């Protein structure tokens, strides 16, 4: 078996070390991003919070606007109503101050 580069213990799985809980590959099936920093708290590609997933198998992300936990499959923040994805075309909204979708022009203010 391989050893964990962080704690040198036997690595139990493909995605994270069971001893120190360092994540190596994002465990989301559609993502699979390689995590170069073992101290990372979230996936750089999909935003999955690793601590909640490794301990409780909860699929959460942090809202970039209000910093509260949301479900990863949610299209809109429940607290501040920020759109993660455009409701029309599904394009990712990258700016917290976006008033419309950069791809299709859908109004994101409501």
C-alpha atoms as a PDB file:
ATOM      1  CA  UNK A   1       0.000   0.000   0.000  1.00  0.00           C
ATOM      2  CA  UNK A   2       1.002   3.609  -0.542  1.00  0.00           C
ATOM      3  CA  UNK A   3       1.959   5.845   2.335  1.00  0.00           C
ATOM      4  CA  UNK A   4       0.414   9.228   2.967  1.00  0.00           C
ATOM      5  CA  UNK A   5       2.862  12.031   2.023  1.00  0.00           C
ATOM      6  CA  UNK A   6       1.630  14.115   4.957  1.00  0.00           C
ATOM      7  CA  UNK A   7       1.580  11.740   7.953  1.00  0.00           C
ATOM      8  CA  UNK A   8       3.489   8.727   6.502  1.00  0.00           C
ATOM      9  CA  UNK A   9       0.715   6.317   7.543  1.00  0.00           C
ATOM     10  CA  UNK A  10      -0.666   3.644   5.233  1.00  0.00           C
ATOM     11  CA  UNK A  11      -3.127   5.323   2.904  1.00  0.00           C
ATOM     12  CA  UNK A  12      -6.450   3.471   3.043  1.00  0.00           C
ATOM     13  CA  UNK A  13      -8.304   4.970   0.100  1.00  0.00           C
ATOM     14  CA  UNK A  14      -7.905   6.638  -3.247  1.00  0.00           C
ATOM     15  CA  UNK A  15      -9.441   9.935  -2.154  1.00  0.00           C
ATOM     16  CA  UNK A  16      -8.133  10.696   1.366  1.00  0.00           C
ATOM     17  CA  UNK A  17      -5.918   9.394   4.149  1.00  0.00           C
ATOM     18  CA  UNK A  18      -7.936   7.788   6.906  1.00  0.00           C
ATOM     19  CA  UNK A  19      -5.336   8.700   9.542  1.00  0.00           C
ATOM     20  CA  UNK A  20      -4.869  12.445   9.020  1.00  0.00           C
ATOM     21  CA  UNK A  21      -7.925  13.127   6.769  1.00  0.00           C
ATOM     22  CA  UNK A  22      -5.810  14.822   4.060  1.00  0.00           C
ATOM     23  CA  UNK A  23      -7.685  14.781   0.736  1.00  0.00           C
ATOM     24  CA  UNK A  24      -5.757  13.874  -2.437  1.00  0.00           C
ATOM     25  CA  UNK A  25      -8.552  13.620  -5.053  1.00  0.00           C
ATOM     26  CA  UNK A  26     -11.977  15.265  -4.835  1.00  0.00           C
ATOM     27  CA  UNK A  27     -14.476  12.515  -3.929  1.00  0.00           C
ATOM     28  CA  UNK A  28     -17.313  13.991  -6.016  1.00  0.00           C
ATOM     29  CA  UNK A  29     -17.987  11.666  -8.978  1.00  0.00           C
ATOM     30  CA  UNK A  30     -18.350  14.463 -11.559  1.00  0.00           C
ATOM     31  CA  UNK A  31     -15.307  16.403 -10.339  1.00  0.00           C
ATOM     32  CA  UNK A  32     -12.315  14.176  -9.536  1.00  0.00           C
ATOM     33  CA  UNK A  33      -9.899  17.134  -9.281  1.00  0.00           C
ATOM     34  CA  UNK A  34      -6.418  16.389  -7.971  1.00  0.00           C
ATOM     35  CA  UNK A  35      -5.748  18.337  -4.770  1.00  0.00           C
ATOM     36  CA  UNK A  36      -2.143  19.559  -4.719  1.00  0.00           C
ATOM     37  CA  UNK A  37      -2.380  21.133  -1.247  1.00  0.00           C
ATOM     38  CA  UNK A  38      -3.258  18.471   1.373  1.00  0.00           C
ATOM     39  CA  UNK A  39      -4.287  21.230   3.825  1.00  0.00           C
ATOM     40  CA  UNK A  40      -7.010  22.504   1.462  1.00  0.00           C
ATOM     41  CA  UNK A  41     -10.438  22.919   3.040  1.00  0.00           C
ATOM     42  CA  UNK A  42     -12.427  22.873  -0.204  1.00  0.00           C
ATOM     43  CA  UNK A  43     -12.108  21.653  -3.773  1.00  0.00           C
ATOM     44  CA  UNK A  44     -10.810  24.343  -6.129  1.00  0.00           C
ATOM     45  CA  UNK A  45     -12.984  23.065  -8.993  1.00  0.00           C
ATOM     46  CA  UNK A  46     -16.408  22.251  -7.494  1.00  0.00           C
ATOM     47  CA  UNK A  47     -16.175  23.908  -4.043  1.00  0.00           C
ATOM     48  CA  UNK A  48     -16.932  20.782  -1.958  1.00  0.00           C
ATOM     49  CA  UNK A  49     -16.088  21.283   1.738  1.00  0.00           C
ATOM     50  CA  UNK A  50     -13.827  18.331   2.588  1.00  0.00           C
ATOM     51  CA  UNK A  51     -14.258  18.312   6.381  1.00  0.00           C
ATOM     52  CA  UNK A  52     -18.024  17.800   6.204  1.00  0.00           C
ATOM     53  CA  UNK A  53     -17.726  15.158   3.490  1.00  0.00           C
ATOM     54  CA  UNK A  54     -14.975  13.100   5.136  1.00  0.00           C
ATOM     55  CA  UNK A  55     -16.574  13.110   8.603  1.00  0.00           C
ATOM     56  CA  UNK A  56     -20.319  13.020   7.861  1.00  0.00           C
ATOM     57  CA  UNK A  57     -20.630  12.475   4.055  1.00  0.00           C
ATOM     58  CA  UNK A  58     -22.423  15.837   3.761  1.00  0.00           C
ATOM     59  CA  UNK A  59     -22.145  17.539   0.377  1.00  0.00           C
ATOM     60  CA  UNK A  60     -21.780  21.244   1.166  1.00  0.00           C
ATOM     61  CA  UNK A  61     -20.071  24.280  -0.346  1.00  0.00           C
ATOM     62  CA  UNK A  62     -19.511  27.780   0.986  1.00  0.00           C
ATOM     63  CA  UNK A  63     -21.400  30.678  -0.589  1.00  0.00           C
ATOM     64  CA  UNK A  64     -18.849  33.185  -1.949  1.00  0.00           C
ATOM     65  CA  UNK A  65     -21.049  36.118  -0.944  1.00  0.00           C
ATOM     66  CA  UNK A  66     -22.307  35.352   2.594  1.00  0.00           C
ATOM     67  CA  UNK A  67     -19.844  32.521   3.487  1.00  0.00           C
ATOM     68  CA  UNK A  68     -22.597  30.186   4.780  1.00  0.00           C
ATOM     69  CA  UNK A  69     -22.861  26.476   3.983  1.00  0.00           C
ATOM     70  CA  UNK A  70     -25.127  25.438   1.127  1.00  0.00           C
ATOM     71  CA  UNK A  71     -25.898  22.184  -0.617  1.00  0.00           C
ATOM     72  CA  UNK A  72     -23.570  21.563  -3.556  1.00  0.00           C
ATOM     73  CA  UNK A  73     -26.511  20.965  -5.916  1.00  0.00           C
ATOM     74  CA  UNK A  74     -28.334  24.165  -4.970  1.00  0.00           C
ATOM     75  CA  UNK A  75     -28.607  26.739  -7.769  1.00  0.00           C
ATOM     76  CA  UNK A  76     -29.161  29.658  -5.406  1.00  0.00           C
ATOM     77  CA  UNK A  77     -28.017  30.552  -1.868  1.00  0.00           C
ATOM     78  CA  UNK A  78     -30.838  30.153   0.638  1.00  0.00           C
ATOM     79  CA  UNK A  79     -29.621  33.050   2.791  1.00  0.00           C
ATOM     80  CA  UNK A  80     -28.456  35.843   0.492  1.00  0.00           C
ATOM     81  CA  UNK A  81     -30.141  34.653  -2.746  1.00  0.00           C
ATOM     82  CA  UNK A  82     -26.840  34.633  -4.710  1.00  0.00           C
ATOM     83  CA  UNK A  83     -27.021  32.585  -7.931  1.00  0.00           C
ATOM     84  CA  UNK A  84     -24.316  29.886  -8.239  1.00  0.00           C
ATOM     85  CA  UNK A  85     -25.455  28.959 -11.755  1.00  0.00           C
ATOM     86  CA  UNK A  86     -27.611  30.752 -14.308  1.00  0.00           C
ATOM     87  CA  UNK A  87     -31.201  29.420 -14.108  1.00  0.00           C
ATOM     88  CA  UNK A  88     -31.551  29.538 -17.909  1.00  0.00           C
ATOM     89  CA  UNK A  89     -28.310  28.216 -19.401  1.00  0.00           C
ATOM     90  CA  UNK A  90     -26.500  26.726 -16.356  1.00  0.00           C
ATOM     91  CA  UNK A  91     -23.369  28.871 -16.765  1.00  0.00           C
ATOM     92  CA  UNK A  92     -21.386  29.332 -13.537  1.00  0.00           C
ATOM     93  CA  UNK A  93     -21.724  32.827 -12.050  1.00  0.00           C
ATOM     94  CA  UNK A  94     -18.216  33.814 -11.006  1.00  0.00           C
ATOM     95  CA  UNK A  95     -18.809  37.338  -9.681  1.00  0.00           C
ATOM     96  CA  UNK A  96     -20.779  38.154  -6.535  1.00  0.00           C
ATOM     97  CA  UNK A  97     -21.861  41.445  -8.087  1.00  0.00           C
ATOM     98  CA  UNK A  98     -23.107  40.050 -11.433  1.00  0.00           C
ATOM     99  CA  UNK A  99     -26.461  41.495 -12.460  1.00  0.00           C
ATOM    100  CA  UNK A 100     -26.891  39.289 -15.522  1.00  0.00           C
ATOM    101  CA  UNK A 101     -25.471  36.061 -16.943  1.00  0.00           C
ATOM    102  CA  UNK A 102     -22.390  36.732 -19.104  1.00  0.00           C
ATOM    103  CA  UNK A 103     -23.378  33.954 -21.526  1.00  0.00           C
ATOM    104  CA  UNK A 104     -27.114  34.424 -22.160  1.00  0.00           C
ATOM    105  CA  UNK A 105     -27.952  37.760 -20.483  1.00  0.00           C
ATOM    106  CA  UNK A 106     -30.578  36.420 -18.047  1.00  0.00           C
ATOM    107  CA  UNK A 107     -31.390  38.843 -15.223  1.00  0.00           C
ATOM    108  CA  UNK A 108     -29.910  37.493 -11.941  1.00  0.00           C
ATOM    109  CA  UNK A 109     -31.308  40.159  -9.595  1.00  0.00           C
ATOM    110  CA  UNK A 110     -34.416  38.273  -8.445  1.00  0.00           C
END
